[in-house]
Amino acid sequence: MTLSPEAEERLADLVELQPTKNAELQERWGMESGGEVHAYLEAELADYYYRDEDSLIRATPAAVAAVTGDEAAAEHAVTVSTLQRTVLEVLPGPDEEPDSVVATLHAVRDGGGDPTVDEVRSALHGLADMGVVERVQRTVPTFRLAVTRDALNVEVAEPA
């Protein structure tokens, strides 16, 4: 995705300020409301941000790479929930066959967890939004890591 000069500047702000809120970006960008910030993010930077478990705005690894110009500098550092960390541990790697939500649920449960299928589905979609899990569409959606395990730097967010 090619960004306008304004979008590139705002993407750099997002990377610099993360984790951040609409209000902080609203102030930085001189916008009238948080809704205007949200609309801009969705229209111009949708591939470059996600909201974490606390609804804070964070930059994707692709955003960091775009701002720094250095793929290596964009180590896939993500802040995740405990369940998301467990899901990352059990998902197939980028070159393996992807798993369905149900297969991932069983793998998590085999490891001692007891989430619901909806919790696992939500964890997978959140990780896909972060850019570290790939959603592969088949008859049912399946998932696998989008990056190698050793390229991930996972930090678990403490519950608020």
N, C-alpha and C. Protein backbone atom coordinates (compact mmCIF):
# COMPACT_ATOMS: atom_id res chain seq x y z
N MET A 1 0.85 -1.17 0.00
CA MET A 1 0.00 0.00 0.00
C MET A 1 0.89 1.23 0.00
N THR A 2 0.68 2.14 -0.94
CA THR A 2 1.44 3.37 -1.03
C THR A 2 0.75 4.43 -0.18
N LEU A 3 1.52 5.07 0.67
CA LEU A 3 0.98 6.08 1.56
C LEU A 3 1.31 7.48 1.07
N SER A 4 0.41 8.41 1.31
CA SER A 4 0.66 9.81 1.02
C SER A 4 1.70 10.33 2.02
N PRO A 5 2.34 11.45 1.72
CA PRO A 5 3.29 12.02 2.68
C PRO A 5 2.66 12.28 4.06
N GLU A 6 1.41 12.75 4.07
CA GLU A 6 0.72 12.98 5.34
C GLU A 6 0.52 11.67 6.10
N ALA A 7 0.11 10.63 5.38
CA ALA A 7 -0.10 9.33 6.02
C ALA A 7 1.21 8.76 6.55
N GLU A 8 2.31 8.97 5.83
CA GLU A 8 3.61 8.51 6.31
C GLU A 8 4.00 9.21 7.60
N GLU A 9 3.75 10.52 7.68
CA GLU A 9 4.04 11.27 8.91
C GLU A 9 3.18 10.78 10.07
N ARG A 10 1.93 10.55 9.78
CA ARG A 10 1.02 10.09 10.84
C ARG A 10 1.34 8.66 11.26
N LEU A 11 1.79 7.85 10.33
CA LEU A 11 2.22 6.49 10.68
C LEU A 11 3.44 6.56 11.61
N ALA A 12 4.36 7.45 11.32
CA ALA A 12 5.52 7.64 12.20
C ALA A 12 5.08 8.07 13.59
N ASP A 13 4.07 8.94 13.67
CA ASP A 13 3.53 9.33 14.97
C ASP A 13 2.96 8.13 15.71
N LEU A 14 2.22 7.30 15.00
CA LEU A 14 1.62 6.12 15.61
C LEU A 14 2.70 5.20 16.17
N VAL A 15 3.76 4.95 15.40
CA VAL A 15 4.85 4.10 15.84
C VAL A 15 5.53 4.71 17.07
N GLU A 16 5.76 6.01 17.03
CA GLU A 16 6.43 6.70 18.14
C GLU A 16 5.59 6.68 19.42
N LEU A 17 4.29 6.89 19.30
CA LEU A 17 3.43 7.06 20.47
C LEU A 17 2.85 5.75 21.02
N GLN A 18 2.98 4.66 20.30
CA GLN A 18 2.31 3.44 20.72
C GLN A 18 2.81 2.96 22.09
N PRO A 19 1.97 2.34 22.90
CA PRO A 19 0.52 2.28 22.73
C PRO A 19 -0.10 3.64 23.00
N THR A 20 -1.13 3.96 22.24
CA THR A 20 -1.73 5.28 22.34
C THR A 20 -3.24 5.20 22.26
N LYS A 21 -3.87 6.33 22.41
CA LYS A 21 -5.33 6.44 22.36
C LYS A 21 -5.74 7.44 21.28
N ASN A 22 -7.00 7.39 20.90
CA ASN A 22 -7.52 8.34 19.92
C ASN A 22 -7.23 9.77 20.35
N ALA A 23 -7.43 10.08 21.64
CA ALA A 23 -7.27 11.45 22.13
C ALA A 23 -5.85 11.96 21.92
N GLU A 24 -4.86 11.11 22.13
CA GLU A 24 -3.47 11.52 21.95
C GLU A 24 -3.18 11.80 20.48
N LEU A 25 -3.68 10.94 19.61
CA LEU A 25 -3.50 11.17 18.17
C LEU A 25 -4.30 12.38 17.71
N GLN A 26 -5.48 12.58 18.27
CA GLN A 26 -6.31 13.73 17.94
C GLN A 26 -5.54 15.03 18.22
N GLU A 27 -4.90 15.07 19.37
CA GLU A 27 -4.12 16.25 19.74
C GLU A 27 -2.92 16.43 18.80
N ARG A 28 -2.20 15.34 18.55
CA ARG A 28 -0.99 15.40 17.71
C ARG A 28 -1.36 15.82 16.29
N TRP A 29 -2.48 15.30 15.78
CA TRP A 29 -2.85 15.53 14.39
C TRP A 29 -3.77 16.74 14.20
N GLY A 30 -4.16 17.40 15.27
CA GLY A 30 -5.02 18.58 15.17
C GLY A 30 -6.41 18.27 14.64
N MET A 31 -6.94 17.13 15.06
CA MET A 31 -8.28 16.74 14.61
C MET A 31 -9.33 17.18 15.63
N GLU A 32 -10.57 17.20 15.18
CA GLU A 32 -11.67 17.68 16.01
C GLU A 32 -12.18 16.66 17.02
N SER A 33 -12.05 15.35 16.70
CA SER A 33 -12.64 14.34 17.59
C SER A 33 -11.91 13.01 17.47
N GLY A 34 -12.16 12.16 18.45
CA GLY A 34 -11.63 10.80 18.40
C GLY A 34 -12.23 10.03 17.24
N GLY A 35 -13.47 10.35 16.91
CA GLY A 35 -14.13 9.70 15.78
C GLY A 35 -13.43 10.02 14.47
N GLU A 36 -12.95 11.25 14.35
CA GLU A 36 -12.21 11.64 13.15
C GLU A 36 -10.90 10.87 13.06
N VAL A 37 -10.24 10.66 14.22
CA VAL A 37 -9.01 9.87 14.26
C VAL A 37 -9.30 8.44 13.82
N HIS A 38 -10.36 7.86 14.38
CA HIS A 38 -10.73 6.48 14.03
C HIS A 38 -11.00 6.36 12.54
N ALA A 39 -11.75 7.31 11.99
CA ALA A 39 -12.08 7.27 10.56
C ALA A 39 -10.80 7.35 9.72
N TYR A 40 -9.86 8.20 10.13
CA TYR A 40 -8.59 8.33 9.40
C TYR A 40 -7.81 7.03 9.47
N LEU A 41 -7.71 6.46 10.67
CA LEU A 41 -6.97 5.20 10.82
C LEU A 41 -7.55 4.12 9.91
N GLU A 42 -8.86 4.00 9.91
CA GLU A 42 -9.50 2.97 9.10
C GLU A 42 -9.33 3.23 7.60
N ALA A 43 -9.41 4.49 7.20
CA ALA A 43 -9.33 4.82 5.77
C ALA A 43 -7.91 4.80 5.24
N GLU A 44 -6.94 5.26 6.02
CA GLU A 44 -5.59 5.45 5.52
C GLU A 44 -4.55 4.48 6.08
N LEU A 45 -4.74 3.99 7.30
CA LEU A 45 -3.70 3.20 7.96
C LEU A 45 -4.20 1.85 8.46
N ALA A 46 -5.26 1.34 7.87
CA ALA A 46 -5.88 0.11 8.36
C ALA A 46 -4.92 -1.07 8.42
N ASP A 47 -3.97 -1.15 7.50
CA ASP A 47 -3.03 -2.26 7.47
C ASP A 47 -1.87 -2.09 8.45
N TYR A 48 -1.83 -0.95 9.11
CA TYR A 48 -0.67 -0.62 9.93
C TYR A 48 -0.94 -0.46 11.42
N TYR A 49 -2.16 -0.71 11.84
CA TYR A 49 -2.43 -0.59 13.27
C TYR A 49 -3.43 -1.65 13.72
N TYR A 50 -3.45 -1.86 15.02
CA TYR A 50 -4.46 -2.72 15.63
C TYR A 50 -4.72 -2.21 17.03
N ARG A 51 -5.78 -2.70 17.62
CA ARG A 51 -6.09 -2.35 19.01
C ARG A 51 -5.81 -3.57 19.87
N ASP A 52 -5.09 -3.34 20.98
CA ASP A 52 -4.75 -4.44 21.87
C ASP A 52 -5.92 -4.77 22.80
N GLU A 53 -5.69 -5.66 23.75
CA GLU A 53 -6.74 -6.10 24.67
C GLU A 53 -7.34 -4.95 25.48
N ASP A 54 -6.58 -3.87 25.66
CA ASP A 54 -7.05 -2.71 26.41
C ASP A 54 -7.56 -1.61 25.49
N SER A 55 -7.76 -1.94 24.21
CA SER A 55 -8.22 -1.01 23.17
C SER A 55 -7.23 0.11 22.87
N LEU A 56 -5.97 -0.08 23.26
CA LEU A 56 -4.95 0.90 22.91
C LEU A 56 -4.49 0.66 21.47
N ILE A 57 -4.14 1.72 20.80
CA ILE A 57 -3.72 1.64 19.40
C ILE A 57 -2.23 1.30 19.35
N ARG A 58 -1.91 0.26 18.58
CA ARG A 58 -0.53 -0.18 18.43
C ARG A 58 -0.19 -0.33 16.94
N ALA A 59 1.07 -0.17 16.63
CA ALA A 59 1.54 -0.32 15.26
C ALA A 59 1.83 -1.79 14.98
N THR A 60 1.52 -2.23 13.77
CA THR A 60 1.86 -3.59 13.35
C THR A 60 3.36 -3.63 13.03
N PRO A 61 3.93 -4.84 12.96
CA PRO A 61 5.32 -4.94 12.52
C PRO A 61 5.54 -4.31 11.14
N ALA A 62 4.54 -4.40 10.26
CA ALA A 62 4.66 -3.77 8.94
C ALA A 62 4.77 -2.25 9.07
N ALA A 63 4.09 -1.67 10.05
CA ALA A 63 4.18 -0.22 10.27
C ALA A 63 5.58 0.16 10.72
N VAL A 64 6.14 -0.60 11.63
CA VAL A 64 7.50 -0.33 12.11
C VAL A 64 8.48 -0.43 10.95
N ALA A 65 8.32 -1.45 10.13
CA ALA A 65 9.21 -1.62 8.97
C ALA A 65 9.06 -0.45 8.00
N ALA A 66 7.83 0.00 7.77
CA ALA A 66 7.60 1.11 6.85
C ALA A 66 8.22 2.40 7.37
N VAL A 67 8.17 2.62 8.67
CA VAL A 67 8.71 3.84 9.25
C VAL A 67 10.23 3.80 9.31
N THR A 68 10.78 2.67 9.71
CA THR A 68 12.24 2.57 9.87
C THR A 68 12.95 2.25 8.57
N GLY A 69 12.22 1.65 7.62
CA GLY A 69 12.83 1.22 6.36
C GLY A 69 13.71 0.00 6.53
N ASP A 70 13.61 -0.63 7.68
CA ASP A 70 14.49 -1.76 7.99
C ASP A 70 13.64 -2.94 8.44
N GLU A 71 13.54 -3.94 7.58
CA GLU A 71 12.76 -5.13 7.93
C GLU A 71 13.26 -5.79 9.21
N ALA A 72 14.57 -5.82 9.40
CA ALA A 72 15.15 -6.45 10.59
C ALA A 72 14.77 -5.67 11.84
N ALA A 73 14.61 -4.36 11.72
CA ALA A 73 14.25 -3.55 12.88
C ALA A 73 12.80 -3.79 13.28
N ALA A 74 12.05 -4.39 12.40
CA ALA A 74 10.64 -4.63 12.67
C ALA A 74 10.43 -6.00 13.28
N GLU A 75 11.31 -6.36 14.21
CA GLU A 75 11.11 -7.62 14.92
C GLU A 75 9.66 -7.65 15.37
N HIS A 76 9.08 -8.77 15.26
CA HIS A 76 7.65 -8.89 15.52
C HIS A 76 7.38 -8.87 17.02
N ALA A 77 7.57 -7.71 17.62
CA ALA A 77 7.32 -7.53 19.05
C ALA A 77 5.84 -7.23 19.23
N VAL A 78 5.17 -8.04 20.00
CA VAL A 78 3.74 -7.86 20.23
C VAL A 78 3.45 -8.01 21.72
N THR A 79 2.46 -7.29 22.17
CA THR A 79 1.96 -7.45 23.53
C THR A 79 0.64 -8.18 23.42
N VAL A 80 0.55 -9.31 24.11
CA VAL A 80 -0.60 -10.19 23.95
C VAL A 80 -1.15 -10.62 25.31
N SER A 81 -2.34 -11.19 25.27
CA SER A 81 -2.92 -11.79 26.47
C SER A 81 -2.27 -13.14 26.71
N THR A 82 -2.51 -13.70 27.88
CA THR A 82 -1.98 -15.03 28.19
C THR A 82 -2.50 -16.06 27.20
N LEU A 83 -3.78 -15.99 26.87
CA LEU A 83 -4.35 -16.95 25.90
C LEU A 83 -3.70 -16.77 24.54
N GLN A 84 -3.51 -15.53 24.10
CA GLN A 84 -2.87 -15.32 22.80
C GLN A 84 -1.46 -15.88 22.78
N ARG A 85 -0.73 -15.75 23.88
CA ARG A 85 0.61 -16.33 23.95
C ARG A 85 0.54 -17.85 23.78
N THR A 86 -0.42 -18.48 24.46
CA THR A 86 -0.59 -19.93 24.36
C THR A 86 -0.95 -20.32 22.93
N VAL A 87 -1.82 -19.56 22.30
CA VAL A 87 -2.20 -19.84 20.91
C VAL A 87 -0.97 -19.75 20.01
N LEU A 88 -0.13 -18.74 20.21
CA LEU A 88 1.10 -18.62 19.41
C LEU A 88 2.00 -19.84 19.58
N GLU A 89 2.01 -20.40 20.77
CA GLU A 89 2.85 -21.57 21.05
C GLU A 89 2.37 -22.82 20.35
N VAL A 90 1.06 -22.94 20.12
CA VAL A 90 0.52 -24.18 19.55
C VAL A 90 0.21 -24.10 18.06
N LEU A 91 0.19 -22.91 17.49
CA LEU A 91 -0.12 -22.79 16.06
C LEU A 91 0.99 -23.36 15.20
N PRO A 92 0.63 -23.90 14.04
CA PRO A 92 1.64 -24.36 13.09
C PRO A 92 2.48 -23.18 12.60
N GLY A 93 3.70 -23.46 12.18
CA GLY A 93 4.59 -22.44 11.65
C GLY A 93 4.17 -21.97 10.28
N PRO A 94 4.86 -20.96 9.75
CA PRO A 94 4.48 -20.35 8.47
C PRO A 94 4.51 -21.30 7.27
N ASP A 95 5.33 -22.35 7.34
CA ASP A 95 5.43 -23.28 6.21
C ASP A 95 4.64 -24.56 6.40
N GLU A 96 3.87 -24.62 7.49
CA GLU A 96 3.09 -25.82 7.79
C GLU A 96 1.63 -25.61 7.40
N GLU A 97 0.88 -26.72 7.41
CA GLU A 97 -0.56 -26.64 7.14
C GLU A 97 -1.23 -25.90 8.29
N PRO A 98 -2.13 -24.95 7.99
CA PRO A 98 -2.79 -24.19 9.04
C PRO A 98 -3.81 -25.03 9.81
N ASP A 99 -4.14 -24.58 11.02
CA ASP A 99 -5.14 -25.24 11.87
C ASP A 99 -6.42 -24.43 11.92
N SER A 100 -7.53 -25.13 12.08
CA SER A 100 -8.81 -24.47 12.27
C SER A 100 -8.90 -23.94 13.70
N VAL A 101 -9.93 -23.18 13.97
CA VAL A 101 -10.17 -22.68 15.33
C VAL A 101 -10.34 -23.85 16.28
N VAL A 102 -11.09 -24.86 15.86
CA VAL A 102 -11.35 -26.01 16.74
C VAL A 102 -10.06 -26.80 17.00
N ALA A 103 -9.25 -26.99 15.98
CA ALA A 103 -7.97 -27.69 16.19
C ALA A 103 -7.08 -26.91 17.14
N THR A 104 -7.09 -25.58 17.00
CA THR A 104 -6.30 -24.74 17.90
C THR A 104 -6.86 -24.83 19.32
N LEU A 105 -8.18 -24.83 19.45
CA LEU A 105 -8.81 -24.99 20.77
C LEU A 105 -8.34 -26.29 21.43
N HIS A 106 -8.35 -27.38 20.69
CA HIS A 106 -7.93 -28.67 21.25
C HIS A 106 -6.45 -28.65 21.64
N ALA A 107 -5.62 -28.01 20.82
CA ALA A 107 -4.19 -27.92 21.15
C ALA A 107 -3.97 -27.12 22.43
N VAL A 108 -4.72 -26.03 22.58
CA VAL A 108 -4.61 -25.21 23.80
C VAL A 108 -5.08 -26.03 25.01
N ARG A 109 -6.18 -26.73 24.84
CA ARG A 109 -6.69 -27.55 25.95
C ARG A 109 -5.74 -28.70 26.27
N ASP A 110 -5.12 -29.29 25.25
CA ASP A 110 -4.13 -30.36 25.49
C ASP A 110 -2.96 -29.84 26.32
N GLY A 111 -2.70 -28.54 26.22
CA GLY A 111 -1.62 -27.92 26.98
C GLY A 111 -2.03 -27.49 28.37
N GLY A 112 -3.28 -27.76 28.73
CA GLY A 112 -3.73 -27.46 30.09
C GLY A 112 -4.66 -26.28 30.21
N GLY A 113 -4.89 -25.55 29.13
CA GLY A 113 -5.82 -24.42 29.18
C GLY A 113 -7.26 -24.89 29.04
N ASP A 114 -8.19 -24.01 29.35
CA ASP A 114 -9.61 -24.37 29.23
C ASP A 114 -10.44 -23.21 28.68
N PRO A 115 -10.00 -22.61 27.55
CA PRO A 115 -10.79 -21.51 26.98
C PRO A 115 -12.00 -22.04 26.22
N THR A 116 -12.92 -21.13 25.93
CA THR A 116 -14.05 -21.46 25.08
C THR A 116 -13.63 -21.31 23.62
N VAL A 117 -14.41 -21.85 22.73
CA VAL A 117 -14.11 -21.73 21.30
C VAL A 117 -14.16 -20.26 20.89
N ASP A 118 -15.08 -19.48 21.47
CA ASP A 118 -15.16 -18.06 21.14
C ASP A 118 -13.92 -17.30 21.60
N GLU A 119 -13.37 -17.67 22.75
CA GLU A 119 -12.15 -17.03 23.24
C GLU A 119 -10.98 -17.33 22.32
N VAL A 120 -10.88 -18.57 21.86
CA VAL A 120 -9.79 -18.94 20.94
C VAL A 120 -9.98 -18.23 19.60
N ARG A 121 -11.19 -18.19 19.10
CA ARG A 121 -11.48 -17.49 17.83
C ARG A 121 -11.08 -16.02 17.96
N SER A 122 -11.46 -15.39 19.04
CA SER A 122 -11.12 -13.99 19.28
C SER A 122 -9.61 -13.80 19.37
N ALA A 123 -8.92 -14.70 20.06
CA ALA A 123 -7.46 -14.63 20.17
C ALA A 123 -6.81 -14.73 18.79
N LEU A 124 -7.28 -15.66 17.98
CA LEU A 124 -6.73 -15.84 16.63
C LEU A 124 -6.95 -14.59 15.77
N HIS A 125 -8.13 -14.04 15.82
CA HIS A 125 -8.42 -12.86 15.00
C HIS A 125 -7.61 -11.66 15.48
N GLY A 126 -7.43 -11.53 16.79
CA GLY A 126 -6.59 -10.45 17.32
C GLY A 126 -5.15 -10.59 16.86
N LEU A 127 -4.64 -11.81 16.89
CA LEU A 127 -3.26 -12.06 16.44
C LEU A 127 -3.12 -11.82 14.94
N ALA A 128 -4.17 -12.15 14.18
CA ALA A 128 -4.14 -11.88 12.74
C ALA A 128 -4.13 -10.36 12.50
N ASP A 129 -4.90 -9.61 13.29
CA ASP A 129 -4.91 -8.15 13.17
C ASP A 129 -3.52 -7.57 13.46
N MET A 130 -2.78 -8.20 14.35
CA MET A 130 -1.43 -7.74 14.70
C MET A 130 -0.41 -8.07 13.61
N GLY A 131 -0.78 -8.98 12.71
CA GLY A 131 0.11 -9.34 11.63
C GLY A 131 1.05 -10.49 11.93
N VAL A 132 0.84 -11.18 13.05
CA VAL A 132 1.74 -12.29 13.40
C VAL A 132 1.12 -13.65 13.13
N VAL A 133 -0.15 -13.67 12.79
CA VAL A 133 -0.85 -14.89 12.43
C VAL A 133 -1.51 -14.65 11.08
N GLU A 134 -1.41 -15.65 10.23
CA GLU A 134 -2.00 -15.57 8.90
C GLU A 134 -3.34 -16.30 8.89
N ARG A 135 -4.35 -15.65 8.36
CA ARG A 135 -5.67 -16.25 8.20
C ARG A 135 -5.72 -16.85 6.80
N VAL A 136 -5.88 -18.17 6.71
CA VAL A 136 -5.95 -18.86 5.43
C VAL A 136 -7.39 -19.30 5.24
N GLN A 137 -8.03 -18.79 4.20
CA GLN A 137 -9.45 -19.09 4.00
C GLN A 137 -9.59 -20.39 3.23
N ARG A 138 -10.25 -21.31 3.84
CA ARG A 138 -10.61 -22.57 3.18
C ARG A 138 -12.12 -22.71 3.37
N THR A 139 -12.62 -23.93 3.49
CA THR A 139 -14.05 -24.09 3.78
C THR A 139 -14.37 -23.40 5.09
N VAL A 140 -13.48 -23.58 6.06
CA VAL A 140 -13.54 -22.81 7.31
C VAL A 140 -12.20 -22.09 7.43
N PRO A 141 -12.19 -20.94 8.09
CA PRO A 141 -10.90 -20.24 8.24
C PRO A 141 -9.90 -21.09 9.02
N THR A 142 -8.67 -21.10 8.57
CA THR A 142 -7.60 -21.79 9.29
C THR A 142 -6.48 -20.78 9.53
N PHE A 143 -5.63 -21.09 10.47
CA PHE A 143 -4.61 -20.14 10.89
C PHE A 143 -3.26 -20.82 11.06
N ARG A 144 -2.20 -20.02 10.84
CA ARG A 144 -0.84 -20.45 11.12
C ARG A 144 -0.03 -19.18 11.38
N LEU A 145 1.14 -19.34 11.93
CA LEU A 145 2.00 -18.19 12.17
C LEU A 145 2.36 -17.54 10.85
N ALA A 146 2.43 -16.23 10.85
CA ALA A 146 2.83 -15.49 9.67
C ALA A 146 4.34 -15.24 9.67
N VAL A 147 4.95 -15.48 10.82
CA VAL A 147 6.39 -15.28 10.99
C VAL A 147 6.95 -16.49 11.73
N THR A 148 8.25 -16.66 11.69
CA THR A 148 8.85 -17.77 12.42
C THR A 148 8.81 -17.49 13.91
N ARG A 149 8.73 -18.56 14.70
CA ARG A 149 8.67 -18.41 16.16
C ARG A 149 9.84 -17.61 16.71
N ASP A 150 11.03 -17.86 16.17
CA ASP A 150 12.20 -17.17 16.72
C ASP A 150 12.24 -15.69 16.35
N ALA A 151 11.38 -15.24 15.44
CA ALA A 151 11.30 -13.83 15.10
C ALA A 151 10.32 -13.08 16.00
N LEU A 152 9.60 -13.80 16.84
CA LEU A 152 8.62 -13.18 17.73
C LEU A 152 9.25 -12.81 19.06
N ASN A 153 8.90 -11.66 19.54
CA ASN A 153 9.26 -11.22 20.88
C ASN A 153 7.94 -10.95 21.57
N VAL A 154 7.47 -11.91 22.37
CA VAL A 154 6.12 -11.85 22.93
C VAL A 154 6.18 -11.39 24.38
N GLU A 155 5.38 -10.37 24.67
CA GLU A 155 5.25 -9.87 26.04
C GLU A 155 3.78 -10.00 26.40
N VAL A 156 3.50 -10.53 27.60
CA VAL A 156 2.13 -10.71 28.03
C VAL A 156 1.69 -9.47 28.79
N ALA A 157 0.56 -8.90 28.39
CA ALA A 157 0.01 -7.73 29.06
C ALA A 157 -0.66 -8.17 30.35
N GLU A 158 -0.41 -7.42 31.40
CA GLU A 158 -1.07 -7.70 32.67
C GLU A 158 -2.51 -7.19 32.58
N PRO A 159 -3.48 -7.94 33.11
CA PRO A 159 -4.87 -7.49 33.08
C PRO A 159 -5.01 -6.16 33.79
N ALA A 160 -5.85 -5.30 33.25
CA ALA A 160 -6.05 -3.96 33.82
C ALA A 160 -6.81 -4.00 35.12
